[in-house]
C-alpha atoms as a PDB file:
ATOM      1  CA  MET A   1     -42.170 -19.001  37.297  1.00  0.00           C
ATOM      2  CA  ALA A   2     -43.180 -21.101  34.281  1.00  0.00           C
ATOM      3  CA  VAL A   3     -42.772 -24.865  34.482  1.00  0.00           C
ATOM      4  CA  GLN A   4     -40.404 -26.316  31.880  1.00  0.00           C
ATOM      5  CA  LEU A   5     -41.734 -29.403  30.081  1.00  0.00           C
ATOM      6  CA  VAL A   6     -38.981 -31.896  29.229  1.00  0.00           C
ATOM      7  CA  LEU A   7     -40.011 -34.291  26.451  1.00  0.00           C
ATOM      8  CA  ALA A   8     -38.310 -37.694  26.770  1.00  0.00           C
ATOM      9  CA  SER A   9     -38.894 -38.599  23.122  1.00  0.00           C
ATOM     10  CA  ALA A  10     -37.224 -38.250  19.730  1.00  0.00           C
ATOM     11  CA  SER A  11     -40.603 -38.192  17.959  1.00  0.00           C
ATOM     12  CA  PRO A  12     -40.924 -35.172  15.638  1.00  0.00           C
ATOM     13  CA  ALA A  13     -44.713 -35.646  15.658  1.00  0.00           C
ATOM     14  CA  ARG A  14     -44.937 -35.395  19.459  1.00  0.00           C
ATOM     15  CA  LEU A  15     -42.735 -32.313  19.481  1.00  0.00           C
ATOM     16  CA  ALA A  16     -44.778 -30.689  16.718  1.00  0.00           C
ATOM     17  CA  THR A  17     -48.028 -31.448  18.574  1.00  0.00           C
ATOM     18  CA  LEU A  18     -46.782 -29.820  21.770  1.00  0.00           C
ATOM     19  CA  ARG A  19     -45.430 -26.813  19.906  1.00  0.00           C
ATOM     20  CA  GLY A  20     -48.695 -26.528  17.995  1.00  0.00           C
ATOM     21  CA  ALA A  21     -50.447 -26.230  21.367  1.00  0.00           C
ATOM     22  CA  GLY A  22     -48.255 -23.232  22.156  1.00  0.00           C
ATOM     23  CA  LEU A  23     -45.804 -25.041  24.442  1.00  0.00           C
ATOM     24  CA  ALA A  24     -42.024 -24.778  24.364  1.00  0.00           C
ATOM     25  CA  PRO A  25     -40.748 -28.236  25.385  1.00  0.00           C
ATOM     26  CA  TYR A  26     -37.094 -29.060  25.894  1.00  0.00           C
ATOM     27  CA  VAL A  27     -36.179 -32.395  24.309  1.00  0.00           C
ATOM     28  CA  GLN A  28     -33.939 -34.960  25.988  1.00  0.00           C
ATOM     29  CA  VAL A  29     -34.198 -38.378  24.354  1.00  0.00           C
ATOM     30  CA  SER A  30     -34.240 -41.432  26.611  1.00  0.00           C
ATOM     31  CA  ARG A  31     -31.704 -44.227  26.250  1.00  0.00           C
ATOM     32  CA  VAL A  32     -34.139 -47.002  27.174  1.00  0.00           C
ATOM     33  CA  ASP A  33     -33.660 -50.451  25.645  1.00  0.00           C
ATOM     34  CA  GLU A  34     -37.347 -51.075  24.900  1.00  0.00           C
ATOM     35  CA  PRO A  35     -37.186 -54.839  24.193  1.00  0.00           C
ATOM     36  CA  ALA A  36     -35.157 -55.351  27.381  1.00  0.00           C
ATOM     37  CA  VAL A  37     -37.709 -53.447  29.488  1.00  0.00           C
ATOM     38  CA  ILE A  38     -40.614 -55.494  28.157  1.00  0.00           C
ATOM     39  CA  ALA A  39     -38.709 -58.784  28.430  1.00  0.00           C
ATOM     40  CA  ASP A  40     -37.899 -58.048  32.073  1.00  0.00           C
ATOM     41  CA  LEU A  41     -41.488 -57.163  32.943  1.00  0.00           C
ATOM     42  CA  GLU A  42     -42.936 -60.175  31.145  1.00  0.00           C
ATOM     43  CA  SER A  43     -40.447 -62.523  32.797  1.00  0.00           C
ATOM     44  CA  ARG A  44     -41.930 -61.464  36.131  1.00  0.00           C
ATOM     45  CA  ALA A  45     -45.585 -60.863  35.335  1.00  0.00           C
ATOM     46  CA  GLY A  46     -46.324 -62.647  32.065  1.00  0.00           C
ATOM     47  CA  ALA A  47     -47.485 -61.116  28.787  1.00  0.00           C
ATOM     48  CA  LEU A  48     -48.590 -57.514  29.101  1.00  0.00           C
ATOM     49  CA  PRO A  49     -51.884 -56.256  27.650  1.00  0.00           C
ATOM     50  CA  PRO A  50     -51.223 -53.748  24.839  1.00  0.00           C
ATOM     51  CA  ALA A  51     -52.229 -50.701  26.916  1.00  0.00           C
ATOM     52  CA  ASP A  52     -49.925 -51.798  29.754  1.00  0.00           C
ATOM     53  CA  HIS A  53     -47.132 -52.407  27.236  1.00  0.00           C
ATOM     54  CA  ALA A  54     -47.290 -48.771  26.105  1.00  0.00           C
ATOM     55  CA  LEU A  55     -47.526 -47.483  29.677  1.00  0.00           C
ATOM     56  CA  ALA A  56     -44.544 -49.529  30.876  1.00  0.00           C
ATOM     57  CA  LEU A  57     -42.322 -48.079  28.161  1.00  0.00           C
ATOM     58  CA  ALA A  58     -43.585 -44.546  28.802  1.00  0.00           C
ATOM     59  CA  ARG A  59     -42.676 -44.913  32.482  1.00  0.00           C
ATOM     60  CA  ALA A  60     -39.247 -46.335  31.660  1.00  0.00           C
ATOM     61  CA  LYS A  61     -38.473 -43.435  29.297  1.00  0.00           C
ATOM     62  CA  CYS A  62     -39.697 -40.886  31.806  1.00  0.00           C
ATOM     63  CA  ASP A  63     -37.636 -42.455  34.614  1.00  0.00           C
ATOM     64  CA  ASP A  64     -34.499 -42.577  32.475  1.00  0.00           C
ATOM     65  CA  VAL A  65     -34.624 -38.900  31.561  1.00  0.00           C
ATOM     66  CA  ALA A  66     -35.823 -37.783  34.995  1.00  0.00           C
ATOM     67  CA  SER A  67     -32.716 -39.379  36.511  1.00  0.00           C
ATOM     68  CA  SER A  68     -30.336 -37.596  34.155  1.00  0.00           C
ATOM     69  CA  VAL A  69     -31.884 -34.307  33.034  1.00  0.00           C
ATOM     70  CA  ALA A  70     -29.810 -31.259  33.878  1.00  0.00           C
ATOM     71  CA  ALA A  71     -31.474 -29.352  36.697  1.00  0.00           C
ATOM     72  CA  GLN A  72     -32.341 -25.704  36.344  1.00  0.00           C
ATOM     73  CA  ASP A  73     -33.457 -23.040  38.812  1.00  0.00           C
ATOM     74  CA  GLY A  74     -37.144 -23.277  37.938  1.00  0.00           C
ATOM     75  CA  PRO A  75     -39.661 -26.137  38.138  1.00  0.00           C
ATOM     76  CA  GLN A  76     -39.492 -28.946  35.592  1.00  0.00           C
ATOM     77  CA  VAL A  77     -41.669 -31.892  34.606  1.00  0.00           C
ATOM     78  CA  VAL A  78     -40.566 -34.813  32.422  1.00  0.00           C
ATOM     79  CA  LEU A  79     -42.971 -36.416  29.960  1.00  0.00           C
ATOM     80  CA  GLY A  80     -42.365 -39.937  28.669  1.00  0.00           C
ATOM     81  CA  CYS A  81     -44.602 -41.408  25.956  1.00  0.00           C
ATOM     82  CA  ASP A  82     -44.858 -44.621  23.998  1.00  0.00           C
ATOM     83  CA  SER A  83     -47.417 -45.794  21.438  1.00  0.00           C
ATOM     84  CA  VAL A  84     -48.438 -49.225  20.167  1.00  0.00           C
ATOM     85  CA  LEU A  85     -51.215 -50.452  17.899  1.00  0.00           C
ATOM     86  CA  GLU A  86     -53.455 -53.256  19.126  1.00  0.00           C
ATOM     87  CA  ILE A  87     -54.984 -55.569  16.521  1.00  0.00           C
ATOM     88  CA  ALA A  88     -56.995 -58.558  17.754  1.00  0.00           C
ATOM     89  CA  GLY A  89     -55.314 -58.308  21.154  1.00  0.00           C
ATOM     90  CA  GLU A  90     -51.777 -58.307  19.743  1.00  0.00           C
ATOM     91  CA  VAL A  91     -49.177 -55.545  20.174  1.00  0.00           C
ATOM     92  CA  HIS A  92     -47.711 -53.921  17.080  1.00  0.00           C
ATOM     93  CA  GLY A  93     -44.941 -51.352  17.343  1.00  0.00           C
ATOM     94  CA  LYS A  94     -42.678 -50.047  14.597  1.00  0.00           C
ATOM     95  CA  PRO A  95     -42.407 -52.479  11.640  1.00  0.00           C
ATOM     96  CA  GLU A  96     -38.761 -51.453  10.970  1.00  0.00           C
ATOM     97  CA  THR A  97     -38.544 -53.432   7.697  1.00  0.00           C
ATOM     98  CA  PRO A  98     -40.529 -53.131   4.443  1.00  0.00           C
ATOM     99  CA  GLU A  99     -41.519 -56.794   4.633  1.00  0.00           C
ATOM    100  CA  PHE A 100     -43.099 -56.407   8.067  1.00  0.00           C
ATOM    101  CA  ALA A 101     -44.768 -53.129   7.076  1.00  0.00           C
ATOM    102  CA  ILE A 102     -46.383 -54.701   3.997  1.00  0.00           C
ATOM    103  CA  GLU A 103     -47.548 -57.710   6.010  1.00  0.00           C
ATOM    104  CA  ARG A 104     -48.957 -55.396   8.692  1.00  0.00           C
ATOM    105  CA  TRP A 105     -50.909 -53.292   6.208  1.00  0.00           C
ATOM    106  CA  ARG A 106     -52.347 -56.348   4.471  1.00  0.00           C
ATOM    107  CA  ARG A 107     -53.730 -57.343   7.844  1.00  0.00           C
ATOM    108  CA  MET A 108     -54.960 -53.852   8.796  1.00  0.00           C
ATOM    109  CA  ARG A 109     -56.623 -52.797   5.546  1.00  0.00           C
ATOM    110  CA  GLY A 110     -60.376 -52.523   5.652  1.00  0.00           C
ATOM    111  CA  GLY A 111     -60.319 -53.098   9.397  1.00  0.00           C
ATOM    112  CA  SER A 112     -59.558 -51.245  12.596  1.00  0.00           C
ATOM    113  CA  GLY A 113     -57.167 -51.211  15.513  1.00  0.00           C
ATOM    114  CA  VAL A 114     -56.690 -49.430  18.822  1.00  0.00           C
ATOM    115  CA  LEU A 115     -53.792 -47.012  19.184  1.00  0.00           C
ATOM    116  CA  HIS A 116     -52.590 -46.928  22.799  1.00  0.00           C
ATOM    117  CA  SER A 117     -50.290 -44.113  23.933  1.00  0.00           C
ATOM    118  CA  GLY A 118     -48.795 -44.404  27.403  1.00  0.00           C
ATOM    119  CA  HIS A 119     -48.029 -41.128  29.198  1.00  0.00           C
ATOM    120  CA  ALA A 120     -45.837 -40.784  32.302  1.00  0.00           C
ATOM    121  CA  LEU A 121     -45.182 -37.403  33.915  1.00  0.00           C
ATOM    122  CA  THR A 122     -42.685 -36.758  36.716  1.00  0.00           C
ATOM    123  CA  ASP A 123     -42.367 -33.549  38.747  1.00  0.00           C
ATOM    124  CA  LEU A 124     -38.631 -33.140  39.353  1.00  0.00           C
ATOM    125  CA  ARG A 125     -39.230 -31.042  42.462  1.00  0.00           C
ATOM    126  CA  THR A 126     -41.139 -33.737  44.322  1.00  0.00           C
ATOM    127  CA  ARG A 127     -40.154 -36.826  42.236  1.00  0.00           C
ATOM    128  CA  ARG A 128     -43.835 -37.713  42.137  1.00  0.00           C
ATOM    129  CA  GLN A 129     -44.959 -39.506  38.989  1.00  0.00           C
ATOM    130  CA  VAL A 130     -48.444 -39.872  37.527  1.00  0.00           C
ATOM    131  CA  SER A 131     -49.196 -42.008  34.493  1.00  0.00           C
ATOM    132  CA  ARG A 132     -52.027 -43.257  32.317  1.00  0.00           C
ATOM    133  CA  THR A 133     -52.754 -44.652  28.858  1.00  0.00           C
ATOM    134  CA  ALA A 134     -55.045 -43.034  26.295  1.00  0.00           C
ATOM    135  CA  SER A 135     -56.650 -45.287  23.669  1.00  0.00           C
ATOM    136  CA  THR A 136     -58.156 -44.348  20.302  1.00  0.00           C
ATOM    137  CA  VAL A 137     -59.889 -46.578  17.737  1.00  0.00           C
ATOM    138  CA  VAL A 138     -58.537 -46.138  14.208  1.00  0.00           C
ATOM    139  CA  HIS A 139     -60.322 -47.359  11.064  1.00  0.00           C
ATOM    140  CA  PHE A 140     -58.266 -48.097   7.952  1.00  0.00           C
ATOM    141  CA  ALA A 141     -59.119 -47.883   4.256  1.00  0.00           C
ATOM    142  CA  ASP A 142     -59.217 -51.055   2.171  1.00  0.00           C
ATOM    143  CA  LEU A 143     -55.942 -50.501   0.294  1.00  0.00           C
ATOM    144  CA  SER A 144     -54.841 -52.488  -2.720  1.00  0.00           C
ATOM    145  CA  ASP A 145     -51.486 -54.296  -2.693  1.00  0.00           C
ATOM    146  CA  THR A 146     -50.154 -51.632  -5.070  1.00  0.00           C
ATOM    147  CA  GLU A 147     -51.158 -48.817  -2.698  1.00  0.00           C
ATOM    148  CA  ILE A 148     -49.605 -50.619   0.261  1.00  0.00           C
ATOM    149  CA  GLU A 149     -46.323 -51.232  -1.522  1.00  0.00           C
ATOM    150  CA  ALA A 150     -46.153 -47.610  -2.735  1.00  0.00           C
ATOM    151  CA  TYR A 151     -46.782 -46.300   0.783  1.00  0.00           C
ATOM    152  CA  VAL A 152     -44.196 -48.592   2.338  1.00  0.00           C
ATOM    153  CA  ALA A 153     -41.689 -47.525  -0.339  1.00  0.00           C
ATOM    154  CA  THR A 154     -41.849 -43.964   1.048  1.00  0.00           C
ATOM    155  CA  GLY A 155     -40.210 -45.259   4.228  1.00  0.00           C
ATOM    156  CA  GLU A 156     -42.678 -43.452   6.483  1.00  0.00           C
ATOM    157  CA  PRO A 157     -44.395 -46.534   7.973  1.00  0.00           C
ATOM    158  CA  LEU A 158     -41.173 -48.238   9.044  1.00  0.00           C
ATOM    159  CA  TRP A 159     -40.405 -46.163  12.132  1.00  0.00           C
ATOM    160  CA  VAL A 160     -43.811 -45.175  13.491  1.00  0.00           C
ATOM    161  CA  ALA A 161     -46.017 -47.109  15.892  1.00  0.00           C
ATOM    162  CA  GLY A 162     -48.440 -49.361  14.045  1.00  0.00           C
ATOM    163  CA  GLY A 163     -46.823 -48.649  10.681  1.00  0.00           C
ATOM    164  CA  PHE A 164     -48.960 -45.612   9.840  1.00  0.00           C
ATOM    165  CA  THR A 165     -49.388 -41.901  10.468  1.00  0.00           C
ATOM    166  CA  VAL A 166     -52.553 -39.840  10.566  1.00  0.00           C
ATOM    167  CA  ASP A 167     -50.757 -36.492  10.268  1.00  0.00           C
ATOM    168  CA  GLY A 168     -48.482 -37.431   7.363  1.00  0.00           C
ATOM    169  CA  LEU A 169     -48.491 -39.517   4.194  1.00  0.00           C
ATOM    170  CA  GLY A 170     -50.666 -42.151   5.833  1.00  0.00           C
ATOM    171  CA  GLY A 171     -53.516 -39.734   6.497  1.00  0.00           C
ATOM    172  CA  ALA A 172     -55.257 -40.715   3.240  1.00  0.00           C
ATOM    173  CA  PHE A 173     -55.554 -44.285   4.492  1.00  0.00           C
ATOM    174  CA  VAL A 174     -57.275 -43.550   7.827  1.00  0.00           C
ATOM    175  CA  THR A 175     -61.019 -43.373   7.249  1.00  0.00           C
ATOM    176  CA  ALA A 176     -62.210 -42.592  10.779  1.00  0.00           C
ATOM    177  CA  ILE A 177     -61.030 -42.077  14.351  1.00  0.00           C
ATOM    178  CA  GLU A 178     -62.988 -42.722  17.541  1.00  0.00           C
ATOM    179  CA  GLY A 179     -61.382 -40.703  20.305  1.00  0.00           C
ATOM    180  CA  ASP A 180     -58.523 -38.233  20.610  1.00  0.00           C
ATOM    181  CA  TYR A 181     -56.807 -37.409  17.307  1.00  0.00           C
ATOM    182  CA  HIS A 182     -53.654 -36.137  19.028  1.00  0.00           C
ATOM    183  CA  ASN A 183     -53.320 -39.451  20.844  1.00  0.00           C
ATOM    184  CA  VAL A 184     -52.900 -41.164  17.478  1.00  0.00           C
ATOM    185  CA  VAL A 185     -50.154 -38.680  16.607  1.00  0.00           C
ATOM    186  CA  GLY A 186     -48.412 -39.729  19.830  1.00  0.00           C
ATOM    187  CA  VAL A 187     -49.353 -37.445  22.719  1.00  0.00           C
ATOM    188  CA  SER A 188     -52.843 -36.770  24.076  1.00  0.00           C
ATOM    189  CA  LEU A 189     -53.129 -33.097  24.995  1.00  0.00           C
ATOM    190  CA  PRO A 190     -56.281 -33.589  27.132  1.00  0.00           C
ATOM    191  CA  LEU A 191     -54.606 -36.412  29.061  1.00  0.00           C
ATOM    192  CA  LEU A 192     -51.428 -34.362  29.528  1.00  0.00           C
ATOM    193  CA  ARG A 193     -53.535 -31.552  31.011  1.00  0.00           C
ATOM    194  CA  GLU A 194     -55.210 -34.007  33.414  1.00  0.00           C
ATOM    195  CA  LEU A 195     -51.876 -35.459  34.532  1.00  0.00           C
ATOM    196  CA  LEU A 196     -50.486 -31.976  35.126  1.00  0.00           C
ATOM    197  CA  LEU A 197     -53.474 -31.139  37.319  1.00  0.00           C
ATOM    198  CA  GLU A 198     -52.838 -34.302  39.369  1.00  0.00           C
ATOM    199  CA  LEU A 199     -49.398 -32.848  40.098  1.00  0.00           C
ATOM    200  CA  GLY A 200     -50.888 -29.492  41.008  1.00  0.00           C
ATOM    201  CA  ILE A 201     -49.748 -27.808  37.794  1.00  0.00           C
ATOM    202  CA  GLY A 202     -52.113 -25.866  35.550  1.00  0.00           C
ATOM    203  CA  TRP A 203     -51.989 -26.053  31.749  1.00  0.00           C
ATOM    204  CA  TRP A 204     -51.143 -22.360  31.542  1.00  0.00           C
ATOM    205  CA  ASP A 205     -48.302 -22.824  34.059  1.00  0.00           C
ATOM    206  CA  LEU A 206     -46.179 -24.567  31.409  1.00  0.00           C
ATOM    207  CA  GLU A 207     -43.467 -22.632  29.613  1.00  0.00           C
ATOM    208  CA  ARG A 208     -44.919 -21.350  26.381  1.00  0.00           C
ATOM    209  CA  SER A 209     -43.417 -20.392  23.043  1.00  0.00           C
ATOM    210  CA  GLN A 210     -43.108 -16.738  22.160  1.00  0.00           C
ATOM    211  CA  PRO A 211     -45.334 -15.381  19.358  1.00  0.00           C
ATOM    212  CA  GLY A 212     -43.541 -15.693  16.047  1.00  0.00           C
ATOM    213  CA  SER A 213     -40.935 -18.159  17.364  1.00  0.00           C
END
């Protein structure tokens, strides 16, 4: 029986990436309060490195959905993901406001950052979880203020990690990538395959979309 992949994310880009790989994920969005999760962890362990920041949120999202997803007869795995951009050791998530997005891009232009995507995968049959972070270096074009303001005015950068996309309107402003392209979109397919194997699940064991669907 095929294994159902439950995606604990509202990201259209992650869903599109998984579907593009021929998978048929079921989406159940987590209800995690991200700032509260990070504040709690940092109160106990101090400031988190950017890669650990992304992984902690991925685990929290995975745990939240794994505890509430409706069970079915067949096997299921829950995938939680979270992405952040690291610039000079600092964590940058979603800008959320035009002012922050413009400030972010003025800092990023002509430079580079590291996009970290945390992945946590739980097998609902055994409740075993495996998790890891994938990291990709992203190089940005040297945009003018006018280009930055026009891009921010589209609204796209406000609600994506790092304030940019590589698979959307922001693709023209990414000059090079060192590492996994899909990781920058939000989910690393090679890493997902490796995590599945750690749980004893093969890539082709996942429920797949029907041709033409």
